[in-house]
Amino acid sequence: IGLIKSLENGFQQKLLDKYDIDRVTMFITHAKESFM
């Protein structure tokens, strides 16, 4: 789970260079749901 959290944080930081915070939050939320 720690590895998954590190990946999540990494994607979040990289995606903030391309998208606004609301859209990045949506990506991360849906990614968590997909993973589960």
PDB file of all heavy atoms in Angstrom:
ATOM      1  N   ILE A   1       0.833  -1.200   0.000  1.00  0.00           N
ATOM      2  CA  ILE A   1       0.000   0.000   0.000  1.00  0.00           C
ATOM      3  C   ILE A   1       0.872   1.257   0.000  1.00  0.00           C
ATOM      4  O   ILE A   1       0.529   2.274  -0.617  1.00  0.00           O
ATOM      5  CB  ILE A   1      -0.959  -0.001   1.212  1.00  0.00           C
ATOM      6  CG1 ILE A   1      -1.971  -1.157   1.071  1.00  0.00           C
ATOM      7  CG2 ILE A   1      -1.698   1.327   1.324  1.00  0.00           C
ATOM      8  CD1 ILE A   1      -2.795  -1.129  -0.199  1.00  0.00           C
ATOM      9  N   GLY A   2       2.023   1.177   0.689  1.00  0.00           N
ATOM     10  CA  GLY A   2       2.942   2.315   0.674  1.00  0.00           C
ATOM     11  C   GLY A   2       3.451   2.615  -0.729  1.00  0.00           C
ATOM     12  O   GLY A   2       3.593   3.791  -1.118  1.00  0.00           O
ATOM     13  N   LEU A   3       3.720   1.573  -1.506  1.00  0.00           N
ATOM     14  CA  LEU A   3       4.141   1.744  -2.890  1.00  0.00           C
ATOM     15  C   LEU A   3       3.046   2.425  -3.703  1.00  0.00           C
ATOM     16  O   LEU A   3       3.317   3.345  -4.487  1.00  0.00           O
ATOM     17  CB  LEU A   3       4.486   0.383  -3.498  1.00  0.00           C
ATOM     18  CG  LEU A   3       4.691   0.323  -5.017  1.00  0.00           C
ATOM     19  CD1 LEU A   3       5.857   1.207  -5.440  1.00  0.00           C
ATOM     20  CD2 LEU A   3       4.899  -1.118  -5.475  1.00  0.00           C
ATOM     21  N   ILE A   4       1.806   1.973  -3.517  1.00  0.00           N
ATOM     22  CA  ILE A   4       0.678   2.561  -4.243  1.00  0.00           C
ATOM     23  C   ILE A   4       0.538   4.041  -3.882  1.00  0.00           C
ATOM     24  O   ILE A   4       0.291   4.885  -4.751  1.00  0.00           O
ATOM     25  CB  ILE A   4      -0.625   1.801  -3.932  1.00  0.00           C
ATOM     26  CG1 ILE A   4      -0.517   0.346  -4.388  1.00  0.00           C
ATOM     27  CG2 ILE A   4      -1.814   2.481  -4.594  1.00  0.00           C
ATOM     28  CD1 ILE A   4      -0.149   0.154  -5.828  1.00  0.00           C
ATOM     29  N   LYS A   5       0.718   4.363  -2.612  1.00  0.00           N
ATOM     30  CA  LYS A   5       0.620   5.754  -2.180  1.00  0.00           C
ATOM     31  C   LYS A   5       1.720   6.593  -2.818  1.00  0.00           C
ATOM     32  O   LYS A   5       1.476   7.739  -3.230  1.00  0.00           O
ATOM     33  CB  LYS A   5       0.713   5.825  -0.650  1.00  0.00           C
ATOM     34  CG  LYS A   5       0.443   7.226  -0.098  1.00  0.00           C
ATOM     35  CD  LYS A   5      -0.973   7.682  -0.393  1.00  0.00           C
ATOM     36  CE  LYS A   5      -1.241   9.059   0.188  1.00  0.00           C
ATOM     37  NZ  LYS A   5      -2.598   9.565  -0.166  1.00  0.00           N
ATOM     38  N   SER A   6       2.918   6.037  -2.928  1.00  0.00           N
ATOM     39  CA  SER A   6       4.022   6.762  -3.573  1.00  0.00           C
ATOM     40  C   SER A   6       3.721   7.013  -5.048  1.00  0.00           C
ATOM     41  O   SER A   6       3.993   8.102  -5.579  1.00  0.00           O
ATOM     42  CB  SER A   6       5.324   5.974  -3.438  1.00  0.00           C
ATOM     43  OG  SER A   6       5.739   5.899  -2.093  1.00  0.00           O
ATOM     44  N   LEU A   7       3.157   6.002  -5.724  1.00  0.00           N
ATOM     45  CA  LEU A   7       2.769   6.191  -7.120  1.00  0.00           C
ATOM     46  C   LEU A   7       1.680   7.249  -7.250  1.00  0.00           C
ATOM     47  O   LEU A   7       1.736   8.110  -8.137  1.00  0.00           O
ATOM     48  CB  LEU A   7       2.283   4.867  -7.711  1.00  0.00           C
ATOM     49  CG  LEU A   7       3.339   3.785  -7.943  1.00  0.00           C
ATOM     50  CD1 LEU A   7       2.672   2.457  -8.296  1.00  0.00           C
ATOM     51  CD2 LEU A   7       4.303   4.193  -9.054  1.00  0.00           C
ATOM     52  N   GLU A   8       0.704   7.173  -6.365  1.00  0.00           N
ATOM     53  CA  GLU A   8      -0.389   8.151  -6.382  1.00  0.00           C
ATOM     54  C   GLU A   8       0.147   9.576  -6.227  1.00  0.00           C
ATOM     55  O   GLU A   8      -0.222  10.481  -6.992  1.00  0.00           O
ATOM     56  CB  GLU A   8      -1.364   7.833  -5.255  1.00  0.00           C
ATOM     57  CG  GLU A   8      -2.542   8.781  -5.151  1.00  0.00           C
ATOM     58  CD  GLU A   8      -3.437   8.440  -3.982  1.00  0.00           C
ATOM     59  OE1 GLU A   8      -3.987   7.318  -3.960  1.00  0.00           O
ATOM     60  OE2 GLU A   8      -3.574   9.288  -3.078  1.00  0.00           O
ATOM     61  N   ASN A   9       1.034   9.768  -5.259  1.00  0.00           N
ATOM     62  CA  ASN A   9       1.615  11.097  -5.046  1.00  0.00           C
ATOM     63  C   ASN A   9       2.430  11.539  -6.257  1.00  0.00           C
ATOM     64  O   ASN A   9       2.409  12.711  -6.646  1.00  0.00           O
ATOM     65  CB  ASN A   9       2.497  11.087  -3.795  1.00  0.00           C
ATOM     66  CG  ASN A   9       1.700  10.940  -2.514  1.00  0.00           C
ATOM     67  OD1 ASN A   9       0.503  11.217  -2.482  1.00  0.00           O
ATOM     68  ND2 ASN A   9       2.355  10.498  -1.448  1.00  0.00           N
ATOM     69  N   GLY A  10       3.165  10.583  -6.840  1.00  0.00           N
ATOM     70  CA  GLY A  10       3.979  10.904  -8.005  1.00  0.00           C
ATOM     71  C   GLY A  10       3.145  11.345  -9.195  1.00  0.00           C
ATOM     72  O   GLY A  10       3.456  12.345  -9.859  1.00  0.00           O
ATOM     73  N   PHE A  11       2.069  10.607  -9.473  1.00  0.00           N
ATOM     74  CA  PHE A  11       1.182  10.986 -10.573  1.00  0.00           C
ATOM     75  C   PHE A  11       0.528  12.334 -10.298  1.00  0.00           C
ATOM     76  O   PHE A  11       0.390  13.167 -11.200  1.00  0.00           O
ATOM     77  CB  PHE A  11       0.114   9.912 -10.795  1.00  0.00           C
ATOM     78  CG  PHE A  11       0.560   8.772 -11.658  1.00  0.00           C
ATOM     79  CD1 PHE A  11       0.799   7.517 -11.121  1.00  0.00           C
ATOM     80  CD2 PHE A  11       0.758   8.942 -13.020  1.00  0.00           C
ATOM     81  CE1 PHE A  11       1.221   6.457 -11.911  1.00  0.00           C
ATOM     82  CE2 PHE A  11       1.172   7.892 -13.826  1.00  0.00           C
ATOM     83  CZ  PHE A  11       1.409   6.644 -13.269  1.00  0.00           C
ATOM     84  N   GLN A  12       0.121  12.532  -9.060  1.00  0.00           N
ATOM     85  CA  GLN A  12      -0.536  13.788  -8.721  1.00  0.00           C
ATOM     86  C   GLN A  12       0.381  14.980  -8.999  1.00  0.00           C
ATOM     87  O   GLN A  12      -0.037  15.967  -9.609  1.00  0.00           O
ATOM     88  CB  GLN A  12      -0.948  13.776  -7.254  1.00  0.00           C
ATOM     89  CG  GLN A  12      -1.776  14.983  -6.830  1.00  0.00           C
ATOM     90  CD  GLN A  12      -2.342  14.817  -5.439  1.00  0.00           C
ATOM     91  OE1 GLN A  12      -1.731  14.243  -4.565  1.00  0.00           O
ATOM     92  NE2 GLN A  12      -3.539  15.347  -5.223  1.00  0.00           N
ATOM     93  N   GLN A  13       1.628  14.876  -8.593  1.00  0.00           N
ATOM     94  CA  GLN A  13       2.569  15.976  -8.806  1.00  0.00           C
ATOM     95  C   GLN A  13       2.812  16.226 -10.290  1.00  0.00           C
ATOM     96  O   GLN A  13       2.842  17.372 -10.748  1.00  0.00           O
ATOM     97  CB  GLN A  13       3.894  15.666  -8.105  1.00  0.00           C
ATOM     98  CG  GLN A  13       3.735  15.486  -6.616  1.00  0.00           C
ATOM     99  CD  GLN A  13       4.844  16.198  -5.836  1.00  0.00           C
ATOM    100  OE1 GLN A  13       5.844  16.643  -6.380  1.00  0.00           O
ATOM    101  NE2 GLN A  13       4.642  16.284  -4.557  1.00  0.00           N
ATOM    102  N   LYS A  14       3.006  15.154 -11.061  1.00  0.00           N
ATOM    103  CA  LYS A  14       3.262  15.314 -12.493  1.00  0.00           C
ATOM    104  C   LYS A  14       2.038  15.876 -13.225  1.00  0.00           C
ATOM    105  O   LYS A  14       2.164  16.715 -14.123  1.00  0.00           O
ATOM    106  CB  LYS A  14       3.656  13.977 -13.121  1.00  0.00           C
ATOM    107  CG  LYS A  14       4.968  13.389 -12.629  1.00  0.00           C
ATOM    108  CD  LYS A  14       6.158  14.191 -13.077  1.00  0.00           C
ATOM    109  CE  LYS A  14       7.457  13.543 -12.627  1.00  0.00           C
ATOM    110  NZ  LYS A  14       8.643  14.370 -12.981  1.00  0.00           N
ATOM    111  N   LEU A  15       0.859  15.411 -12.836  1.00  0.00           N
ATOM    112  CA  LEU A  15      -0.352  15.842 -13.526  1.00  0.00           C
ATOM    113  C   LEU A  15      -0.712  17.289 -13.228  1.00  0.00           C
ATOM    114  O   LEU A  15      -1.362  17.951 -14.047  1.00  0.00           O
ATOM    115  CB  LEU A  15      -1.516  14.914 -13.155  1.00  0.00           C
ATOM    116  CG  LEU A  15      -1.420  13.505 -13.732  1.00  0.00           C
ATOM    117  CD1 LEU A  15      -2.497  12.601 -13.130  1.00  0.00           C
ATOM    118  CD2 LEU A  15      -1.539  13.527 -15.253  1.00  0.00           C
ATOM    119  N   LEU A  16      -0.278  17.792 -12.082  1.00  0.00           N
ATOM    120  CA  LEU A  16      -0.542  19.199 -11.756  1.00  0.00           C
ATOM    121  C   LEU A  16       0.206  20.146 -12.684  1.00  0.00           C
ATOM    122  O   LEU A  16      -0.129  21.335 -12.767  1.00  0.00           O
ATOM    123  CB  LEU A  16      -0.170  19.480 -10.296  1.00  0.00           C
ATOM    124  CG  LEU A  16      -1.179  18.968  -9.253  1.00  0.00           C
ATOM    125  CD1 LEU A  16      -0.616  19.109  -7.853  1.00  0.00           C
ATOM    126  CD2 LEU A  16      -2.509  19.702  -9.379  1.00  0.00           C
ATOM    127  N   ASP A  17       1.197  19.625 -13.399  1.00  0.00           N
ATOM    128  CA  ASP A  17       1.883  20.437 -14.405  1.00  0.00           C
ATOM    129  C   ASP A  17       1.061  20.567 -15.679  1.00  0.00           C
ATOM    130  O   ASP A  17       1.349  21.422 -16.526  1.00  0.00           O
ATOM    131  CB  ASP A  17       3.242  19.810 -14.763  1.00  0.00           C
ATOM    132  CG  ASP A  17       4.228  19.854 -13.607  1.00  0.00           C
ATOM    133  OD1 ASP A  17       4.081  20.729 -12.729  1.00  0.00           O
ATOM    134  OD2 ASP A  17       5.139  19.010 -13.589  1.00  0.00           O
ATOM    135  N   LYS A  18       0.022  19.709 -15.816  1.00  0.00           N
ATOM    136  CA  LYS A  18      -0.772  19.673 -17.043  1.00  0.00           C
ATOM    137  C   LYS A  18      -2.230  20.081 -16.833  1.00  0.00           C
ATOM    138  O   LYS A  18      -2.878  20.571 -17.760  1.00  0.00           O
ATOM    139  CB  LYS A  18      -0.747  18.258 -17.639  1.00  0.00           C
ATOM    140  CG  LYS A  18       0.635  17.745 -18.038  1.00  0.00           C
ATOM    141  CD  LYS A  18       0.567  16.304 -18.529  1.00  0.00           C
ATOM    142  CE  LYS A  18       1.914  15.788 -18.979  1.00  0.00           C
ATOM    143  NZ  LYS A  18       2.373  16.441 -20.226  1.00  0.00           N
ATOM    144  N   TYR A  19      -2.759  19.813 -15.627  1.00  0.00           N
ATOM    145  CA  TYR A  19      -4.181  20.025 -15.375  1.00  0.00           C
ATOM    146  C   TYR A  19      -4.383  20.806 -14.078  1.00  0.00           C
ATOM    147  O   TYR A  19      -3.482  20.872 -13.234  1.00  0.00           O
ATOM    148  CB  TYR A  19      -4.916  18.686 -15.273  1.00  0.00           C
ATOM    149  CG  TYR A  19      -4.776  17.790 -16.481  1.00  0.00           C
ATOM    150  CD1 TYR A  19      -3.863  16.734 -16.492  1.00  0.00           C
ATOM    151  CD2 TYR A  19      -5.564  17.991 -17.614  1.00  0.00           C
ATOM    152  CE1 TYR A  19      -3.735  15.902 -17.597  1.00  0.00           C
ATOM    153  CE2 TYR A  19      -5.440  17.158 -18.724  1.00  0.00           C
ATOM    154  CZ  TYR A  19      -4.527  16.121 -18.708  1.00  0.00           C
ATOM    155  OH  TYR A  19      -4.397  15.303 -19.802  1.00  0.00           O
ATOM    156  N   ASP A  20      -5.592  21.348 -13.904  1.00  0.00           N
ATOM    157  CA  ASP A  20      -5.893  22.056 -12.657  1.00  0.00           C
ATOM    158  C   ASP A  20      -6.153  21.040 -11.538  1.00  0.00           C
ATOM    159  O   ASP A  20      -6.373  19.848 -11.797  1.00  0.00           O
ATOM    160  CB  ASP A  20      -7.097  22.994 -12.835  1.00  0.00           C
ATOM    161  CG  ASP A  20      -8.385  22.268 -13.199  1.00  0.00           C
ATOM    162  OD1 ASP A  20      -8.843  21.425 -12.406  1.00  0.00           O
ATOM    163  OD2 ASP A  20      -8.933  22.545 -14.294  1.00  0.00           O
ATOM    164  N   ILE A  21      -6.150  21.507 -10.315  1.00  0.00           N
ATOM    165  CA  ILE A  21      -6.230  20.640  -9.140  1.00  0.00           C
ATOM    166  C   ILE A  21      -7.523  19.827  -9.107  1.00  0.00           C
ATOM    167  O   ILE A  21      -7.510  18.658  -8.708  1.00  0.00           O
ATOM    168  CB  ILE A  21      -6.087  21.466  -7.838  1.00  0.00           C
ATOM    169  CG1 ILE A  21      -6.080  20.546  -6.607  1.00  0.00           C
ATOM    170  CG2 ILE A  21      -7.154  22.533  -7.735  1.00  0.00           C
ATOM    171  CD1 ILE A  21      -4.914  19.606  -6.525  1.00  0.00           C
ATOM    172  N   ASP A  22      -8.626  20.420  -9.542  1.00  0.00           N
ATOM    173  CA  ASP A  22      -9.901  19.689  -9.509  1.00  0.00           C
ATOM    174  C   ASP A  22      -9.877  18.493 -10.456  1.00  0.00           C
ATOM    175  O   ASP A  22     -10.355  17.405 -10.111  1.00  0.00           O
ATOM    176  CB  ASP A  22     -11.065  20.620  -9.890  1.00  0.00           C
ATOM    177  CG  ASP A  22     -11.350  21.663  -8.828  1.00  0.00           C
ATOM    178  OD1 ASP A  22     -10.961  21.423  -7.659  1.00  0.00           O
ATOM    179  OD2 ASP A  22     -11.951  22.701  -9.144  1.00  0.00           O
ATOM    180  N   ARG A  23      -9.293  18.693 -11.621  1.00  0.00           N
ATOM    181  CA  ARG A  23      -9.258  17.596 -12.589  1.00  0.00           C
ATOM    182  C   ARG A  23      -8.292  16.509 -12.121  1.00  0.00           C
ATOM    183  O   ARG A  23      -8.558  15.316 -12.263  1.00  0.00           O
ATOM    184  CB  ARG A  23      -8.845  18.113 -13.962  1.00  0.00           C
ATOM    185  CG  ARG A  23      -9.216  17.137 -15.079  1.00  0.00           C
ATOM    186  CD  ARG A  23      -9.135  17.782 -16.419  1.00  0.00           C
ATOM    187  NE  ARG A  23      -9.693  16.911 -17.438  1.00  0.00           N
ATOM    188  CZ  ARG A  23      -9.505  17.089 -18.740  1.00  0.00           C
ATOM    189  NH1 ARG A  23      -8.778  18.115 -19.159  1.00  0.00           N
ATOM    190  NH2 ARG A  23     -10.047  16.274 -19.613  1.00  0.00           N
ATOM    191  N   VAL A  24      -7.168  16.920 -11.550  1.00  0.00           N
ATOM    192  CA  VAL A  24      -6.205  15.939 -11.046  1.00  0.00           C
ATOM    193  C   VAL A  24      -6.820  15.140  -9.908  1.00  0.00           C
ATOM    194  O   VAL A  24      -6.658  13.907  -9.834  1.00  0.00           O
ATOM    195  CB  VAL A  24      -4.909  16.639 -10.583  1.00  0.00           C
ATOM    196  CG1 VAL A  24      -3.996  15.648  -9.864  1.00  0.00           C
ATOM    197  CG2 VAL A  24      -4.181  17.255 -11.779  1.00  0.00           C
ATOM    198  N   THR A  25      -7.544  15.815  -9.029  1.00  0.00           N
ATOM    199  CA  THR A  25      -8.223  15.124  -7.923  1.00  0.00           C
ATOM    200  C   THR A  25      -9.211  14.097  -8.458  1.00  0.00           C
ATOM    201  O   THR A  25      -9.314  12.984  -7.935  1.00  0.00           O
ATOM    202  CB  THR A  25      -8.955  16.136  -7.020  1.00  0.00           C
ATOM    203  OG1 THR A  25      -7.997  17.051  -6.476  1.00  0.00           O
ATOM    204  CG2 THR A  25      -9.677  15.422  -5.881  1.00  0.00           C
ATOM    205  N   MET A  26      -9.914  14.449  -9.524  1.00  0.00           N
ATOM    206  CA  MET A  26     -10.858  13.520 -10.143  1.00  0.00           C
ATOM    207  C   MET A  26     -10.124  12.299 -10.704  1.00  0.00           C
ATOM    208  O   MET A  26     -10.545  11.155 -10.493  1.00  0.00           O
ATOM    209  CB  MET A  26     -11.622  14.213 -11.268  1.00  0.00           C
ATOM    210  CG  MET A  26     -12.638  13.316 -11.978  1.00  0.00           C
ATOM    211  SD  MET A  26     -13.260  14.049 -13.505  1.00  0.00           S
ATOM    212  CE  MET A  26     -11.801  13.954 -14.563  1.00  0.00           C
ATOM    213  N   PHE A  27      -8.990  12.538 -11.390  1.00  0.00           N
ATOM    214  CA  PHE A  27      -8.200  11.424 -11.931  1.00  0.00           C
ATOM    215  C   PHE A  27      -7.772  10.474 -10.810  1.00  0.00           C
ATOM    216  O   PHE A  27      -7.905   9.248 -10.928  1.00  0.00           O
ATOM    217  CB  PHE A  27      -6.938  11.948 -12.627  1.00  0.00           C
ATOM    218  CG  PHE A  27      -7.171  12.647 -13.932  1.00  0.00           C
ATOM    219  CD1 PHE A  27      -6.312  13.666 -14.345  1.00  0.00           C
ATOM    220  CD2 PHE A  27      -8.233  12.305 -14.762  1.00  0.00           C
ATOM    221  CE1 PHE A  27      -6.506  14.315 -15.552  1.00  0.00           C
ATOM    222  CE2 PHE A  27      -8.436  12.950 -15.970  1.00  0.00           C
ATOM    223  CZ  PHE A  27      -7.565  13.966 -16.369  1.00  0.00           C
ATOM    224  N   ILE A  28      -7.244  11.039  -9.737  1.00  0.00           N
ATOM    225  CA  ILE A  28      -6.713  10.230  -8.642  1.00  0.00           C
ATOM    226  C   ILE A  28      -7.832   9.466  -7.937  1.00  0.00           C
ATOM    227  O   ILE A  28      -7.680   8.276  -7.605  1.00  0.00           O
ATOM    228  CB  ILE A  28      -5.955  11.109  -7.628  1.00  0.00           C
ATOM    229  CG1 ILE A  28      -4.731  11.759  -8.292  1.00  0.00           C
ATOM    230  CG2 ILE A  28      -5.541  10.301  -6.408  1.00  0.00           C
ATOM    231  CD1 ILE A  28      -3.690  10.799  -8.808  1.00  0.00           C
ATOM    232  N   THR A  29      -8.966  10.111  -7.750  1.00  0.00           N
ATOM    233  CA  THR A  29     -10.112   9.461  -7.094  1.00  0.00           C
ATOM    234  C   THR A  29     -10.601   8.274  -7.913  1.00  0.00           C
ATOM    235  O   THR A  29     -10.810   7.172  -7.382  1.00  0.00           O
ATOM    236  CB  THR A  29     -11.264  10.468  -6.886  1.00  0.00           C
ATOM    237  OG1 THR A  29     -10.809  11.526  -6.041  1.00  0.00           O
ATOM    238  CG2 THR A  29     -12.467   9.779  -6.245  1.00  0.00           C
ATOM    239  N   HIS A  30     -10.768   8.483  -9.217  1.00  0.00           N
ATOM    240  CA  HIS A  30     -11.238   7.397 -10.078  1.00  0.00           C
ATOM    241  C   HIS A  30     -10.191   6.287 -10.193  1.00  0.00           C
ATOM    242  O   HIS A  30     -10.533   5.103 -10.295  1.00  0.00           O
ATOM    243  CB  HIS A  30     -11.596   7.930 -11.460  1.00  0.00           C
ATOM    244  CG  HIS A  30     -12.871   8.710 -11.509  1.00  0.00           C
ATOM    245  ND1 HIS A  30     -14.050   8.232 -10.983  1.00  0.00           N
ATOM    246  CD2 HIS A  30     -13.167   9.937 -12.018  1.00  0.00           C
ATOM    247  CE1 HIS A  30     -15.019   9.118 -11.166  1.00  0.00           C
ATOM    248  NE2 HIS A  30     -14.507  10.171 -11.788  1.00  0.00           N
ATOM    249  N   ALA A  31      -8.916   6.659 -10.158  1.00  0.00           N
ATOM    250  CA  ALA A  31      -7.854   5.652 -10.218  1.00  0.00           C
ATOM    251  C   ALA A  31      -7.897   4.754  -8.985  1.00  0.00           C
ATOM    252  O   ALA A  31      -7.707   3.533  -9.087  1.00  0.00           O
ATOM    253  CB  ALA A  31      -6.493   6.330 -10.327  1.00  0.00           C
ATOM    254  N   LYS A  32      -8.148   5.350  -7.820  1.00  0.00           N
ATOM    255  CA  LYS A  32      -8.275   4.563  -6.588  1.00  0.00           C
ATOM    256  C   LYS A  32      -9.438   3.583  -6.697  1.00  0.00           C
ATOM    257  O   LYS A  32      -9.321   2.411  -6.334  1.00  0.00           O
ATOM    258  CB  LYS A  32      -8.522   5.482  -5.383  1.00  0.00           C
ATOM    259  CG  LYS A  32      -7.329   6.255  -4.894  1.00  0.00           C
ATOM    260  CD  LYS A  32      -7.752   7.100  -3.694  1.00  0.00           C
ATOM    261  CE  LYS A  32      -6.627   7.950  -3.183  1.00  0.00           C
ATOM    262  NZ  LYS A  32      -7.062   8.816  -2.056  1.00  0.00           N
ATOM    263  N   GLU A  33     -10.553   4.077  -7.202  1.00  0.00           N
ATOM    264  CA  GLU A  33     -11.739   3.230  -7.343  1.00  0.00           C
ATOM    265  C   GLU A  33     -11.463   2.084  -8.322  1.00  0.00           C
ATOM    266  O   GLU A  33     -11.863   0.934  -8.079  1.00  0.00           O
ATOM    267  CB  GLU A  33     -12.925   4.071  -7.819  1.00  0.00           C
ATOM    268  CG  GLU A  33     -13.396   5.095  -6.787  1.00  0.00           C
ATOM    269  CD  GLU A  33     -14.411   6.079  -7.358  1.00  0.00           C
ATOM    270  OE1 GLU A  33     -14.658   6.039  -8.587  1.00  0.00           O
ATOM    271  OE2 GLU A  33     -14.944   6.887  -6.579  1.00  0.00           O
ATOM    272  N   SER A  34     -10.781   2.397  -9.421  1.00  0.00           N
ATOM    273  CA  SER A  34     -10.446   1.362 -10.402  1.00  0.00           C
ATOM    274  C   SER A  34      -9.525   0.320  -9.793  1.00  0.00           C
ATOM    275  O   SER A  34      -9.700  -0.885 -10.002  1.00  0.00           O
ATOM    276  CB  SER A  34      -9.770   1.991 -11.630  1.00  0.00           C
ATOM    277  OG  SER A  34     -10.664   2.806 -12.336  1.00  0.00           O
ATOM    278  N   PHE A  35      -8.531   0.781  -9.032  1.00  0.00           N
ATOM    279  CA  PHE A  35      -7.591  -0.144  -8.406  1.00  0.00           C
ATOM    280  C   PHE A  35      -8.320  -1.092  -7.468  1.00  0.00           C
ATOM    281  O   PHE A  35      -8.068  -2.316  -7.482  1.00  0.00           O
ATOM    282  CB  PHE A  35      -6.517   0.635  -7.651  1.00  0.00           C
ATOM    283  CG  PHE A  35      -5.541  -0.237  -6.897  1.00  0.00           C
ATOM    284  CD1 PHE A  35      -4.702  -1.106  -7.573  1.00  0.00           C
ATOM    285  CD2 PHE A  35      -5.465  -0.186  -5.511  1.00  0.00           C
ATOM    286  CE1 PHE A  35      -3.798  -1.922  -6.881  1.00  0.00           C
ATOM    287  CE2 PHE A  35      -4.567  -0.981  -4.811  1.00  0.00           C
ATOM    288  CZ  PHE A  35      -3.741  -1.857  -5.505  1.00  0.00           C
ATOM    289  N   MET A  36      -9.235  -0.584  -6.680  1.00  0.00           N
ATOM    290  CA  MET A  36      -9.980  -1.433  -5.746  1.00  0.00           C
ATOM    291  C   MET A  36     -10.817  -2.471  -6.495  1.00  0.00           C
ATOM    292  O   MET A  36     -10.943  -3.618  -6.039  1.00  0.00           O
ATOM    293  CB  MET A  36     -10.879  -0.568  -4.850  1.00  0.00           C
ATOM    294  CG  MET A  36     -10.115   0.363  -3.918  1.00  0.00           C
ATOM    295  SD  MET A  36      -8.907  -0.501  -2.870  1.00  0.00           S
ATOM    296  CE  MET A  36     -10.003  -1.524  -1.891  1.00  0.00           C
TER     297      MET A  36
END
